Amino acid sequence: MLIRHHVEITRQALASEVGPRALEVIIRANVAQDSLRYQLFHDHFHFDNNQFEKSYAYIEEQRALIAPALGRGDAPSAWQAFGRMLHTVQDFYAHTDYIPRWLSRFEGQTPPAPEQVDPVSSEILGHPDLRSGKLYYPLEALAFIPFLRKFILPHLPADSHAHMNHDGHETSAHFDYVFHAAVKRTRVEFEKTAALFSSELREQFVDK
């Protein structure tokens, strides 16, 4: 997902939940996951290459860092861990076929508005055929360059990241559903994480 969308999703989901200082640290940590050094050999940061188990494990590893950081009075480290896990959570909808599967339920009908998307359908989340895009380098890298994309796509398999991603309106007609699913899931993860804290730690975490 494009960085600007990660920023907007996170702001829309959390601006009313956490203070401005916490929000800015969370956003910076989120978008840092898309830095160049994390584009190779870090598929689990982005739900790429069908790395579902590793991606889910990474989310929980980051969540597990939050309460101990708050316990030692290090709220910035807690916010950074939360931002890192949110990046992966949000990329789930952009890099998998979750949204096309959800929309397929309404084939032959007018689908619900994007705001009505269900981001946590147990049937889809647990489906054995749920897939994410594979990265076929070096051609895959060229597909990220806008003016080359149309020339590269015909040479990449249908299960490639370039064909499957919903990173923005430019690459997917489903992006509005992706966006709203990611906003809702971000709020779900906030509540799930905050529920682990005592009232004192929650107060540190939200920083309001």
N, C-alpha and C. Protein backbone atom coordinates (compact mmCIF):
# COMPACT_ATOMS: atom_id res chain seq x y z
N MET A 1 0.85 -1.19 0.00
CA MET A 1 0.00 0.00 0.00
C MET A 1 0.89 1.24 0.00
N LEU A 2 0.46 2.26 -0.74
CA LEU A 2 1.25 3.48 -0.81
C LEU A 2 1.32 4.16 0.56
N ILE A 3 2.44 4.80 0.81
CA ILE A 3 2.67 5.41 2.12
C ILE A 3 1.57 6.40 2.49
N ARG A 4 1.14 7.20 1.54
CA ARG A 4 0.12 8.21 1.87
C ARG A 4 -1.17 7.55 2.35
N HIS A 5 -1.45 6.35 1.88
CA HIS A 5 -2.66 5.66 2.32
C HIS A 5 -2.48 5.10 3.73
N HIS A 6 -1.31 4.58 4.03
CA HIS A 6 -1.04 4.14 5.40
C HIS A 6 -1.23 5.30 6.37
N VAL A 7 -0.74 6.47 5.98
CA VAL A 7 -0.86 7.65 6.84
C VAL A 7 -2.32 8.00 7.06
N GLU A 8 -3.09 8.08 5.99
CA GLU A 8 -4.49 8.49 6.10
C GLU A 8 -5.32 7.45 6.85
N ILE A 9 -5.08 6.18 6.59
CA ILE A 9 -5.80 5.11 7.30
C ILE A 9 -5.54 5.21 8.79
N THR A 10 -4.30 5.38 9.16
CA THR A 10 -3.94 5.43 10.57
C THR A 10 -4.53 6.66 11.25
N ARG A 11 -4.46 7.80 10.58
CA ARG A 11 -5.05 9.02 11.15
C ARG A 11 -6.56 8.86 11.32
N GLN A 12 -7.22 8.35 10.29
CA GLN A 12 -8.67 8.23 10.35
C GLN A 12 -9.09 7.26 11.46
N ALA A 13 -8.33 6.20 11.65
CA ALA A 13 -8.69 5.19 12.64
C ALA A 13 -8.38 5.62 14.07
N LEU A 14 -7.30 6.38 14.27
CA LEU A 14 -6.79 6.58 15.62
C LEU A 14 -6.79 8.02 16.13
N ALA A 15 -7.11 8.98 15.28
CA ALA A 15 -7.02 10.38 15.72
C ALA A 15 -7.88 10.67 16.93
N SER A 16 -8.99 9.96 17.07
CA SER A 16 -9.86 10.19 18.22
C SER A 16 -9.51 9.29 19.41
N GLU A 17 -8.55 8.38 19.20
CA GLU A 17 -8.22 7.41 20.23
C GLU A 17 -6.94 7.75 20.99
N VAL A 18 -5.98 8.34 20.30
CA VAL A 18 -4.69 8.64 20.93
C VAL A 18 -4.35 10.10 20.73
N GLY A 19 -3.47 10.61 21.57
CA GLY A 19 -3.05 12.00 21.47
C GLY A 19 -2.16 12.23 20.26
N PRO A 20 -1.98 13.50 19.88
CA PRO A 20 -1.21 13.82 18.67
C PRO A 20 0.23 13.34 18.71
N ARG A 21 0.87 13.38 19.88
CA ARG A 21 2.26 12.92 19.96
C ARG A 21 2.34 11.42 19.68
N ALA A 22 1.47 10.65 20.30
CA ALA A 22 1.44 9.21 20.07
C ALA A 22 1.13 8.89 18.62
N LEU A 23 0.17 9.60 18.05
CA LEU A 23 -0.24 9.33 16.68
C LEU A 23 0.91 9.54 15.70
N GLU A 24 1.68 10.61 15.88
CA GLU A 24 2.78 10.89 14.96
C GLU A 24 3.87 9.82 15.05
N VAL A 25 4.16 9.34 16.24
CA VAL A 25 5.17 8.28 16.39
C VAL A 25 4.67 6.98 15.76
N ILE A 26 3.41 6.66 15.98
CA ILE A 26 2.81 5.46 15.39
C ILE A 26 2.88 5.53 13.87
N ILE A 27 2.55 6.68 13.30
CA ILE A 27 2.57 6.83 11.84
C ILE A 27 3.98 6.70 11.30
N ARG A 28 4.95 7.33 11.94
CA ARG A 28 6.33 7.25 11.45
C ARG A 28 6.84 5.81 11.46
N ALA A 29 6.51 5.09 12.51
CA ALA A 29 6.95 3.69 12.58
C ALA A 29 6.25 2.85 11.53
N ASN A 30 4.99 3.14 11.28
CA ASN A 30 4.22 2.43 10.26
C ASN A 30 4.87 2.60 8.89
N VAL A 31 5.06 3.83 8.47
CA VAL A 31 5.55 4.05 7.11
C VAL A 31 7.02 3.66 6.95
N ALA A 32 7.77 3.62 8.05
CA ALA A 32 9.17 3.20 7.97
C ALA A 32 9.30 1.75 7.51
N GLN A 33 8.24 0.96 7.67
CA GLN A 33 8.27 -0.43 7.23
C GLN A 33 8.34 -0.53 5.71
N ASP A 34 8.06 0.55 5.02
CA ASP A 34 8.15 0.56 3.56
C ASP A 34 9.48 1.14 3.07
N SER A 35 10.43 1.34 3.96
CA SER A 35 11.73 1.84 3.53
C SER A 35 12.40 0.80 2.65
N LEU A 36 13.35 1.22 1.83
CA LEU A 36 13.97 0.35 0.84
C LEU A 36 14.57 -0.90 1.45
N ARG A 37 15.16 -0.78 2.65
CA ARG A 37 15.83 -1.94 3.26
C ARG A 37 14.85 -3.04 3.65
N TYR A 38 13.57 -2.72 3.73
CA TYR A 38 12.57 -3.71 4.12
C TYR A 38 11.77 -4.25 2.93
N GLN A 39 12.18 -3.89 1.71
CA GLN A 39 11.47 -4.36 0.53
C GLN A 39 11.91 -5.76 0.11
N LEU A 40 13.11 -6.15 0.48
CA LEU A 40 13.62 -7.49 0.19
C LEU A 40 13.80 -8.26 1.49
N PHE A 41 13.46 -9.55 1.45
CA PHE A 41 13.66 -10.47 2.58
C PHE A 41 12.83 -10.11 3.81
N HIS A 42 11.79 -9.33 3.63
CA HIS A 42 10.89 -8.99 4.74
C HIS A 42 9.43 -9.14 4.30
N ASP A 43 9.16 -10.23 3.60
CA ASP A 43 7.82 -10.46 3.08
C ASP A 43 6.76 -10.43 4.18
N HIS A 44 7.15 -10.88 5.38
CA HIS A 44 6.19 -10.96 6.48
C HIS A 44 5.80 -9.59 7.01
N PHE A 45 6.54 -8.55 6.67
CA PHE A 45 6.15 -7.19 7.05
C PHE A 45 4.92 -6.73 6.26
N HIS A 46 4.70 -7.38 5.09
CA HIS A 46 3.73 -6.86 4.12
C HIS A 46 2.71 -7.91 3.66
N PHE A 47 2.67 -9.06 4.28
CA PHE A 47 1.79 -10.14 3.84
C PHE A 47 2.05 -10.49 2.37
N ASP A 48 3.30 -10.49 1.95
CA ASP A 48 3.65 -10.87 0.58
C ASP A 48 4.02 -12.35 0.52
N ASN A 49 4.03 -12.89 -0.72
CA ASN A 49 4.52 -14.25 -0.96
C ASN A 49 3.84 -15.29 -0.08
N ASN A 50 2.57 -15.08 0.25
CA ASN A 50 1.80 -16.04 1.05
C ASN A 50 2.41 -16.31 2.42
N GLN A 51 3.08 -15.32 2.96
CA GLN A 51 3.71 -15.48 4.28
C GLN A 51 2.72 -15.20 5.40
N PHE A 52 1.62 -15.93 5.41
CA PHE A 52 0.56 -15.65 6.39
C PHE A 52 1.00 -15.96 7.82
N GLU A 53 1.53 -17.13 8.03
CA GLU A 53 1.92 -17.50 9.40
C GLU A 53 2.97 -16.56 9.95
N LYS A 54 3.98 -16.24 9.14
CA LYS A 54 5.04 -15.35 9.61
C LYS A 54 4.52 -13.93 9.83
N SER A 55 3.59 -13.50 9.00
CA SER A 55 3.03 -12.16 9.16
C SER A 55 2.20 -12.07 10.44
N TYR A 56 1.36 -13.08 10.67
CA TYR A 56 0.57 -13.08 11.91
C TYR A 56 1.49 -13.15 13.13
N ALA A 57 2.55 -13.94 13.03
CA ALA A 57 3.50 -14.04 14.15
C ALA A 57 4.19 -12.70 14.39
N TYR A 58 4.53 -12.00 13.30
CA TYR A 58 5.18 -10.69 13.45
C TYR A 58 4.26 -9.70 14.15
N ILE A 59 2.99 -9.70 13.78
CA ILE A 59 2.02 -8.82 14.44
C ILE A 59 2.00 -9.07 15.94
N GLU A 60 1.95 -10.33 16.33
CA GLU A 60 1.89 -10.65 17.75
C GLU A 60 3.21 -10.38 18.46
N GLU A 61 4.33 -10.54 17.76
CA GLU A 61 5.63 -10.20 18.35
C GLU A 61 5.69 -8.71 18.68
N GLN A 62 5.20 -7.89 17.77
CA GLN A 62 5.21 -6.45 18.02
C GLN A 62 4.23 -6.08 19.13
N ARG A 63 3.06 -6.72 19.14
CA ARG A 63 2.08 -6.44 20.19
C ARG A 63 2.66 -6.78 21.56
N ALA A 64 3.42 -7.86 21.62
CA ALA A 64 3.99 -8.31 22.89
C ALA A 64 5.04 -7.35 23.44
N LEU A 65 5.56 -6.47 22.59
CA LEU A 65 6.57 -5.50 23.04
C LEU A 65 5.95 -4.28 23.72
N ILE A 66 4.66 -4.07 23.52
CA ILE A 66 4.04 -2.81 23.91
C ILE A 66 3.89 -2.66 25.41
N ALA A 67 3.27 -3.63 26.07
CA ALA A 67 3.05 -3.51 27.52
C ALA A 67 4.37 -3.42 28.29
N PRO A 68 5.40 -4.25 27.98
CA PRO A 68 6.67 -4.11 28.70
C PRO A 68 7.30 -2.73 28.52
N ALA A 69 7.18 -2.16 27.31
CA ALA A 69 7.73 -0.82 27.09
C ALA A 69 7.01 0.21 27.95
N LEU A 70 5.69 0.10 28.00
CA LEU A 70 4.92 1.02 28.84
C LEU A 70 5.27 0.82 30.31
N GLY A 71 5.48 -0.42 30.70
CA GLY A 71 5.80 -0.73 32.09
C GLY A 71 7.10 -0.11 32.55
N ARG A 72 8.03 0.09 31.64
CA ARG A 72 9.29 0.74 32.02
C ARG A 72 9.29 2.23 31.69
N GLY A 73 8.10 2.75 31.36
CA GLY A 73 7.96 4.18 31.12
C GLY A 73 8.45 4.64 29.76
N ASP A 74 8.54 3.72 28.80
CA ASP A 74 9.05 4.05 27.47
C ASP A 74 7.91 4.02 26.46
N ALA A 75 7.02 5.01 26.55
CA ALA A 75 5.88 5.05 25.65
C ALA A 75 6.27 5.13 24.17
N PRO A 76 7.32 5.90 23.80
CA PRO A 76 7.68 5.95 22.37
C PRO A 76 7.98 4.58 21.78
N SER A 77 8.66 3.71 22.53
CA SER A 77 8.93 2.36 22.02
C SER A 77 7.65 1.57 21.85
N ALA A 78 6.70 1.78 22.76
CA ALA A 78 5.40 1.11 22.66
C ALA A 78 4.67 1.58 21.40
N TRP A 79 4.67 2.87 21.15
CA TRP A 79 4.00 3.41 19.97
C TRP A 79 4.67 2.92 18.69
N GLN A 80 5.99 2.83 18.71
CA GLN A 80 6.71 2.34 17.53
C GLN A 80 6.34 0.89 17.22
N ALA A 81 6.28 0.06 18.25
CA ALA A 81 5.90 -1.34 18.03
C ALA A 81 4.48 -1.43 17.47
N PHE A 82 3.60 -0.59 18.00
CA PHE A 82 2.22 -0.59 17.51
C PHE A 82 2.16 -0.13 16.06
N GLY A 83 2.92 0.89 15.72
CA GLY A 83 2.97 1.36 14.33
C GLY A 83 3.48 0.30 13.38
N ARG A 84 4.51 -0.44 13.80
CA ARG A 84 5.04 -1.50 12.94
C ARG A 84 4.00 -2.59 12.69
N MET A 85 3.30 -2.98 13.73
CA MET A 85 2.31 -4.04 13.55
C MET A 85 1.14 -3.55 12.70
N LEU A 86 0.78 -2.27 12.83
CA LEU A 86 -0.32 -1.75 12.02
C LEU A 86 0.00 -1.76 10.54
N HIS A 87 1.25 -1.53 10.20
CA HIS A 87 1.63 -1.57 8.79
C HIS A 87 1.29 -2.93 8.19
N THR A 88 1.64 -3.97 8.91
CA THR A 88 1.39 -5.33 8.43
C THR A 88 -0.10 -5.61 8.37
N VAL A 89 -0.83 -5.21 9.41
CA VAL A 89 -2.28 -5.37 9.44
C VAL A 89 -2.93 -4.69 8.24
N GLN A 90 -2.53 -3.48 7.94
CA GLN A 90 -3.13 -2.73 6.84
C GLN A 90 -2.76 -3.31 5.48
N ASP A 91 -1.53 -3.78 5.35
CA ASP A 91 -1.11 -4.38 4.08
C ASP A 91 -1.86 -5.68 3.78
N PHE A 92 -2.40 -6.33 4.80
CA PHE A 92 -3.15 -7.56 4.57
C PHE A 92 -4.24 -7.34 3.52
N TYR A 93 -4.96 -6.23 3.62
CA TYR A 93 -6.08 -5.99 2.71
C TYR A 93 -5.60 -5.56 1.32
N ALA A 94 -4.44 -4.92 1.26
CA ALA A 94 -3.90 -4.46 -0.02
C ALA A 94 -3.18 -5.55 -0.79
N HIS A 95 -2.67 -6.57 -0.09
CA HIS A 95 -1.80 -7.54 -0.74
C HIS A 95 -2.38 -8.94 -0.83
N THR A 96 -3.58 -9.15 -0.31
CA THR A 96 -4.21 -10.47 -0.40
C THR A 96 -5.49 -10.38 -1.22
N ASP A 97 -6.11 -11.53 -1.43
CA ASP A 97 -7.39 -11.54 -2.16
C ASP A 97 -8.57 -11.55 -1.20
N TYR A 98 -8.39 -11.04 0.02
CA TYR A 98 -9.49 -10.98 0.98
C TYR A 98 -10.66 -10.17 0.41
N ILE A 99 -10.41 -8.98 -0.10
CA ILE A 99 -11.50 -8.11 -0.57
C ILE A 99 -12.20 -8.71 -1.79
N PRO A 100 -11.49 -9.20 -2.80
CA PRO A 100 -12.21 -9.87 -3.90
C PRO A 100 -13.07 -11.04 -3.42
N ARG A 101 -12.59 -11.78 -2.44
CA ARG A 101 -13.39 -12.89 -1.90
C ARG A 101 -14.64 -12.37 -1.20
N TRP A 102 -14.49 -11.29 -0.44
CA TRP A 102 -15.65 -10.72 0.25
C TRP A 102 -16.67 -10.20 -0.77
N LEU A 103 -16.19 -9.53 -1.79
CA LEU A 103 -17.09 -8.97 -2.80
C LEU A 103 -17.75 -10.07 -3.64
N SER A 104 -17.11 -11.21 -3.78
CA SER A 104 -17.68 -12.31 -4.58
C SER A 104 -18.98 -12.82 -4.00
N ARG A 105 -19.21 -12.54 -2.71
CA ARG A 105 -20.47 -12.96 -2.09
C ARG A 105 -21.67 -12.23 -2.69
N PHE A 106 -21.41 -11.11 -3.34
CA PHE A 106 -22.50 -10.28 -3.85
C PHE A 106 -22.56 -10.33 -5.38
N GLU A 107 -22.00 -11.37 -5.95
CA GLU A 107 -22.00 -11.51 -7.40
C GLU A 107 -23.44 -11.50 -7.92
N GLY A 108 -23.68 -10.69 -8.93
CA GLY A 108 -25.02 -10.58 -9.49
C GLY A 108 -25.91 -9.61 -8.75
N GLN A 109 -25.38 -8.99 -7.70
CA GLN A 109 -26.13 -8.02 -6.91
C GLN A 109 -25.33 -6.71 -6.86
N THR A 110 -25.97 -5.67 -6.36
CA THR A 110 -25.23 -4.44 -6.08
C THR A 110 -24.49 -4.64 -4.76
N PRO A 111 -23.17 -4.55 -4.78
CA PRO A 111 -22.43 -4.78 -3.54
C PRO A 111 -22.67 -3.67 -2.52
N PRO A 112 -22.49 -3.95 -1.25
CA PRO A 112 -22.61 -2.90 -0.23
C PRO A 112 -21.58 -1.80 -0.48
N ALA A 113 -21.83 -0.65 0.10
CA ALA A 113 -20.87 0.46 0.01
C ALA A 113 -19.56 0.06 0.69
N PRO A 114 -18.45 0.63 0.27
CA PRO A 114 -17.17 0.30 0.89
C PRO A 114 -17.17 0.45 2.42
N GLU A 115 -17.91 1.42 2.92
CA GLU A 115 -17.97 1.65 4.37
C GLU A 115 -18.57 0.47 5.12
N GLN A 116 -19.27 -0.41 4.42
CA GLN A 116 -19.92 -1.55 5.05
C GLN A 116 -19.09 -2.83 5.00
N VAL A 117 -17.89 -2.74 4.49
CA VAL A 117 -17.05 -3.94 4.38
C VAL A 117 -16.80 -4.55 5.76
N ASP A 118 -16.80 -5.87 5.80
CA ASP A 118 -16.48 -6.61 7.02
C ASP A 118 -15.00 -7.00 6.96
N PRO A 119 -14.16 -6.44 7.82
CA PRO A 119 -12.72 -6.72 7.74
C PRO A 119 -12.28 -8.01 8.44
N VAL A 120 -13.21 -8.64 9.15
CA VAL A 120 -12.81 -9.81 9.96
C VAL A 120 -13.76 -10.99 9.73
N SER A 121 -14.08 -11.26 8.49
CA SER A 121 -14.91 -12.43 8.18
C SER A 121 -14.12 -13.69 8.52
N SER A 122 -14.59 -14.44 9.49
CA SER A 122 -13.87 -15.65 9.91
C SER A 122 -13.80 -16.67 8.77
N GLU A 123 -14.85 -16.69 7.95
CA GLU A 123 -14.87 -17.63 6.83
C GLU A 123 -13.74 -17.35 5.85
N ILE A 124 -13.51 -16.06 5.55
CA ILE A 124 -12.45 -15.71 4.60
C ILE A 124 -11.08 -15.78 5.27
N LEU A 125 -10.96 -15.26 6.48
CA LEU A 125 -9.67 -15.27 7.16
C LEU A 125 -9.14 -16.69 7.34
N GLY A 126 -10.05 -17.63 7.54
CA GLY A 126 -9.64 -19.01 7.75
C GLY A 126 -9.66 -19.88 6.52
N HIS A 127 -9.95 -19.29 5.36
CA HIS A 127 -10.08 -20.08 4.14
C HIS A 127 -8.70 -20.59 3.69
N PRO A 128 -8.59 -21.87 3.40
CA PRO A 128 -7.28 -22.43 3.04
C PRO A 128 -6.73 -21.90 1.72
N ASP A 129 -7.59 -21.32 0.88
CA ASP A 129 -7.13 -20.82 -0.42
C ASP A 129 -6.86 -19.32 -0.43
N LEU A 130 -6.95 -18.67 0.73
CA LEU A 130 -6.61 -17.25 0.79
C LEU A 130 -5.17 -17.07 0.34
N ARG A 131 -4.92 -16.10 -0.53
CA ARG A 131 -3.60 -15.93 -1.11
C ARG A 131 -3.16 -14.47 -1.09
N SER A 132 -1.83 -14.29 -1.15
CA SER A 132 -1.27 -12.95 -1.35
C SER A 132 -0.34 -13.00 -2.55
N GLY A 133 -0.02 -11.83 -3.10
CA GLY A 133 0.78 -11.77 -4.31
C GLY A 133 2.22 -12.20 -4.10
N LYS A 134 2.74 -12.90 -5.11
CA LYS A 134 4.14 -13.30 -5.08
C LYS A 134 4.99 -12.26 -5.80
N LEU A 135 6.21 -12.11 -5.35
CA LEU A 135 7.12 -11.13 -5.93
C LEU A 135 8.10 -11.84 -6.87
N TYR A 136 7.95 -11.57 -8.15
CA TYR A 136 8.79 -12.20 -9.16
C TYR A 136 9.85 -11.21 -9.62
N TYR A 137 10.94 -11.16 -8.86
CA TYR A 137 12.02 -10.25 -9.22
C TYR A 137 12.87 -10.87 -10.33
N PRO A 138 13.50 -10.04 -11.20
CA PRO A 138 13.57 -8.57 -11.16
C PRO A 138 12.40 -7.85 -11.85
N LEU A 139 11.60 -8.59 -12.66
CA LEU A 139 10.52 -7.91 -13.38
C LEU A 139 9.56 -7.20 -12.44
N GLU A 140 9.30 -7.83 -11.29
CA GLU A 140 8.35 -7.25 -10.34
C GLU A 140 8.76 -5.83 -9.95
N ALA A 141 10.05 -5.61 -9.76
CA ALA A 141 10.53 -4.29 -9.35
C ALA A 141 10.22 -3.24 -10.42
N LEU A 142 10.30 -3.64 -11.68
CA LEU A 142 10.04 -2.70 -12.77
C LEU A 142 8.56 -2.32 -12.83
N ALA A 143 7.70 -3.21 -12.37
CA ALA A 143 6.26 -2.94 -12.39
C ALA A 143 5.87 -1.82 -11.43
N PHE A 144 6.75 -1.50 -10.49
CA PHE A 144 6.48 -0.40 -9.56
C PHE A 144 6.70 0.96 -10.21
N ILE A 145 7.35 0.99 -11.36
CA ILE A 145 7.61 2.25 -12.06
C ILE A 145 6.40 2.53 -12.96
N PRO A 146 5.64 3.60 -12.66
CA PRO A 146 4.35 3.82 -13.34
C PRO A 146 4.39 3.73 -14.86
N PHE A 147 5.37 4.37 -15.52
CA PHE A 147 5.33 4.38 -16.99
C PHE A 147 5.76 3.04 -17.60
N LEU A 148 6.37 2.15 -16.79
CA LEU A 148 6.76 0.83 -17.28
C LEU A 148 5.72 -0.24 -16.97
N ARG A 149 4.83 0.07 -16.04
CA ARG A 149 3.91 -0.94 -15.52
C ARG A 149 3.14 -1.67 -16.63
N LYS A 150 2.57 -0.91 -17.57
CA LYS A 150 1.74 -1.55 -18.59
C LYS A 150 2.54 -2.47 -19.51
N PHE A 151 3.85 -2.23 -19.62
CA PHE A 151 4.69 -3.08 -20.45
C PHE A 151 5.14 -4.34 -19.71
N ILE A 152 5.23 -4.24 -18.39
CA ILE A 152 5.74 -5.35 -17.58
C ILE A 152 4.63 -6.33 -17.21
N LEU A 153 3.43 -5.84 -16.94
CA LEU A 153 2.33 -6.69 -16.46
C LEU A 153 2.08 -7.93 -17.33
N PRO A 154 2.10 -7.81 -18.67
CA PRO A 154 1.83 -9.01 -19.48
C PRO A 154 2.86 -10.12 -19.30
N HIS A 155 4.00 -9.80 -18.76
CA HIS A 155 5.07 -10.78 -18.60
C HIS A 155 5.12 -11.40 -17.20
N LEU A 156 4.20 -10.97 -16.34
CA LEU A 156 4.17 -11.49 -14.98
C LEU A 156 2.98 -12.42 -14.78
N PRO A 157 3.14 -13.48 -13.98
CA PRO A 157 2.03 -14.41 -13.73
C PRO A 157 0.86 -13.74 -13.02
N ALA A 158 -0.31 -14.36 -13.12
CA ALA A 158 -1.52 -13.80 -12.52
C ALA A 158 -1.43 -13.71 -11.01
N ASP A 159 -0.58 -14.58 -10.39
CA ASP A 159 -0.46 -14.55 -8.93
C ASP A 159 0.65 -13.63 -8.45
N SER A 160 1.16 -12.79 -9.33
CA SER A 160 2.22 -11.86 -8.94
C SER A 160 1.65 -10.72 -8.10
N HIS A 161 2.52 -10.11 -7.33
CA HIS A 161 2.10 -8.92 -6.55
C HIS A 161 1.57 -7.84 -7.48
N ALA A 162 2.22 -7.66 -8.61
CA ALA A 162 1.82 -6.60 -9.53
C ALA A 162 0.38 -6.77 -10.00
N HIS A 163 -0.05 -8.00 -10.21
CA HIS A 163 -1.42 -8.25 -10.65
C HIS A 163 -2.41 -8.26 -9.48
N MET A 164 -1.98 -8.73 -8.32
CA MET A 164 -2.91 -8.95 -7.21
C MET A 164 -3.04 -7.77 -6.25
N ASN A 165 -2.10 -6.84 -6.27
CA ASN A 165 -2.12 -5.80 -5.23
C ASN A 165 -3.27 -4.83 -5.43
N HIS A 166 -3.71 -4.26 -4.29
CA HIS A 166 -4.73 -3.22 -4.25
C HIS A 166 -4.15 -2.01 -3.52
N ASP A 167 -2.96 -1.59 -3.96
CA ASP A 167 -2.21 -0.57 -3.23
C ASP A 167 -2.76 0.84 -3.39
N GLY A 168 -3.60 1.05 -4.36
CA GLY A 168 -4.17 2.38 -4.58
C GLY A 168 -5.19 2.32 -5.70
N HIS A 169 -5.86 3.44 -5.96
CA HIS A 169 -6.85 3.49 -7.03
C HIS A 169 -6.22 3.21 -8.39
N GLU A 170 -4.93 3.50 -8.51
CA GLU A 170 -4.25 3.33 -9.79
C GLU A 170 -4.13 1.87 -10.19
N THR A 171 -4.12 0.99 -9.21
CA THR A 171 -3.90 -0.43 -9.50
C THR A 171 -5.10 -1.31 -9.21
N SER A 172 -6.12 -0.78 -8.57
CA SER A 172 -7.24 -1.64 -8.18
C SER A 172 -8.56 -0.90 -8.11
N ALA A 173 -9.59 -1.51 -8.69
CA ALA A 173 -10.94 -0.96 -8.57
C ALA A 173 -11.53 -1.22 -7.19
N HIS A 174 -10.86 -2.06 -6.41
CA HIS A 174 -11.35 -2.42 -5.08
C HIS A 174 -10.75 -1.57 -3.97
N PHE A 175 -9.98 -0.54 -4.32
CA PHE A 175 -9.21 0.13 -3.28
C PHE A 175 -10.06 0.76 -2.19
N ASP A 176 -11.23 1.29 -2.53
CA ASP A 176 -12.07 1.91 -1.50
C ASP A 176 -12.46 0.89 -0.43
N TYR A 177 -12.69 -0.35 -0.84
CA TYR A 177 -13.01 -1.41 0.12
C TYR A 177 -11.78 -1.74 0.96
N VAL A 178 -10.63 -1.78 0.32
CA VAL A 178 -9.37 -2.02 1.03
C VAL A 178 -9.16 -0.94 2.09
N PHE A 179 -9.35 0.30 1.70
CA PHE A 179 -9.13 1.43 2.60
C PHE A 179 -10.02 1.31 3.84
N HIS A 180 -11.30 1.11 3.64
CA HIS A 180 -12.23 1.06 4.77
C HIS A 180 -12.01 -0.20 5.62
N ALA A 181 -11.66 -1.30 4.99
CA ALA A 181 -11.35 -2.50 5.77
C ALA A 181 -10.13 -2.27 6.65
N ALA A 182 -9.12 -1.59 6.11
CA ALA A 182 -7.90 -1.32 6.89
C ALA A 182 -8.17 -0.35 8.03
N VAL A 183 -9.03 0.64 7.80
CA VAL A 183 -9.39 1.57 8.89
C VAL A 183 -10.08 0.80 10.01
N LYS A 184 -11.06 -0.02 9.65
CA LYS A 184 -11.80 -0.77 10.67
C LYS A 184 -10.88 -1.74 11.41
N ARG A 185 -9.99 -2.42 10.67
CA ARG A 185 -9.11 -3.39 11.32
C ARG A 185 -8.10 -2.70 12.22
N THR A 186 -7.68 -1.50 11.86
CA THR A 186 -6.78 -0.73 12.71
C THR A 186 -7.44 -0.44 14.05
N ARG A 187 -8.73 -0.08 14.02
CA ARG A 187 -9.46 0.17 15.27
C ARG A 187 -9.61 -1.12 16.07
N VAL A 188 -9.88 -2.23 15.38
CA VAL A 188 -9.98 -3.53 16.06
C VAL A 188 -8.68 -3.84 16.78
N GLU A 189 -7.56 -3.63 16.11
CA GLU A 189 -6.26 -3.94 16.71
C GLU A 189 -5.94 -2.99 17.86
N PHE A 190 -6.38 -1.75 17.75
CA PHE A 190 -6.20 -0.81 18.85
C PHE A 190 -6.93 -1.31 20.10
N GLU A 191 -8.18 -1.67 19.94
CA GLU A 191 -8.98 -2.13 21.08
C GLU A 191 -8.44 -3.44 21.63
N LYS A 192 -8.03 -4.32 20.76
CA LYS A 192 -7.46 -5.61 21.20
C LYS A 192 -6.19 -5.39 22.00
N THR A 193 -5.37 -4.47 21.55
CA THR A 193 -4.11 -4.18 22.24
C THR A 193 -4.36 -3.45 23.55
N ALA A 194 -5.19 -2.42 23.52
CA ALA A 194 -5.45 -1.63 24.73
C ALA A 194 -6.12 -2.46 25.81
N ALA A 195 -6.85 -3.49 25.43
CA ALA A 195 -7.53 -4.35 26.41
C ALA A 195 -6.54 -5.13 27.27
N LEU A 196 -5.30 -5.20 26.83
CA LEU A 196 -4.27 -5.93 27.58
C LEU A 196 -3.69 -5.10 28.73
N PHE A 197 -3.98 -3.79 28.76
CA PHE A 197 -3.32 -2.89 29.68
C PHE A 197 -4.16 -2.62 30.93
N SER A 198 -3.47 -2.31 32.00
CA SER A 198 -4.14 -1.73 33.16
C SER A 198 -4.56 -0.31 32.79
N SER A 199 -5.40 0.30 33.60
CA SER A 199 -5.84 1.67 33.31
C SER A 199 -4.65 2.63 33.28
N GLU A 200 -3.66 2.38 34.12
CA GLU A 200 -2.48 3.24 34.15
C GLU A 200 -1.69 3.13 32.85
N LEU A 201 -1.49 1.88 32.38
CA LEU A 201 -0.73 1.69 31.14
C LEU A 201 -1.53 2.21 29.93
N ARG A 202 -2.83 2.03 29.95
CA ARG A 202 -3.64 2.55 28.84
C ARG A 202 -3.52 4.07 28.77
N GLU A 203 -3.50 4.72 29.91
CA GLU A 203 -3.37 6.18 29.93
C GLU A 203 -2.05 6.61 29.30
N GLN A 204 -0.98 5.86 29.59
CA GLN A 204 0.32 6.15 28.96
C GLN A 204 0.25 5.95 27.47
N PHE A 205 -0.40 4.86 27.07
CA PHE A 205 -0.44 4.49 25.66
C PHE A 205 -1.20 5.52 24.83
N VAL A 206 -2.35 5.95 25.30
CA VAL A 206 -3.15 6.90 24.50
C VAL A 206 -2.60 8.32 24.59
N ASP A 207 -1.93 8.66 25.69
CA ASP A 207 -1.22 9.95 25.81
C ASP A 207 -2.15 11.13 25.50
N LYS A 208 -3.31 11.15 26.10
CA LYS A 208 -4.25 12.25 25.86
C LYS A 208 -4.40 13.12 27.11
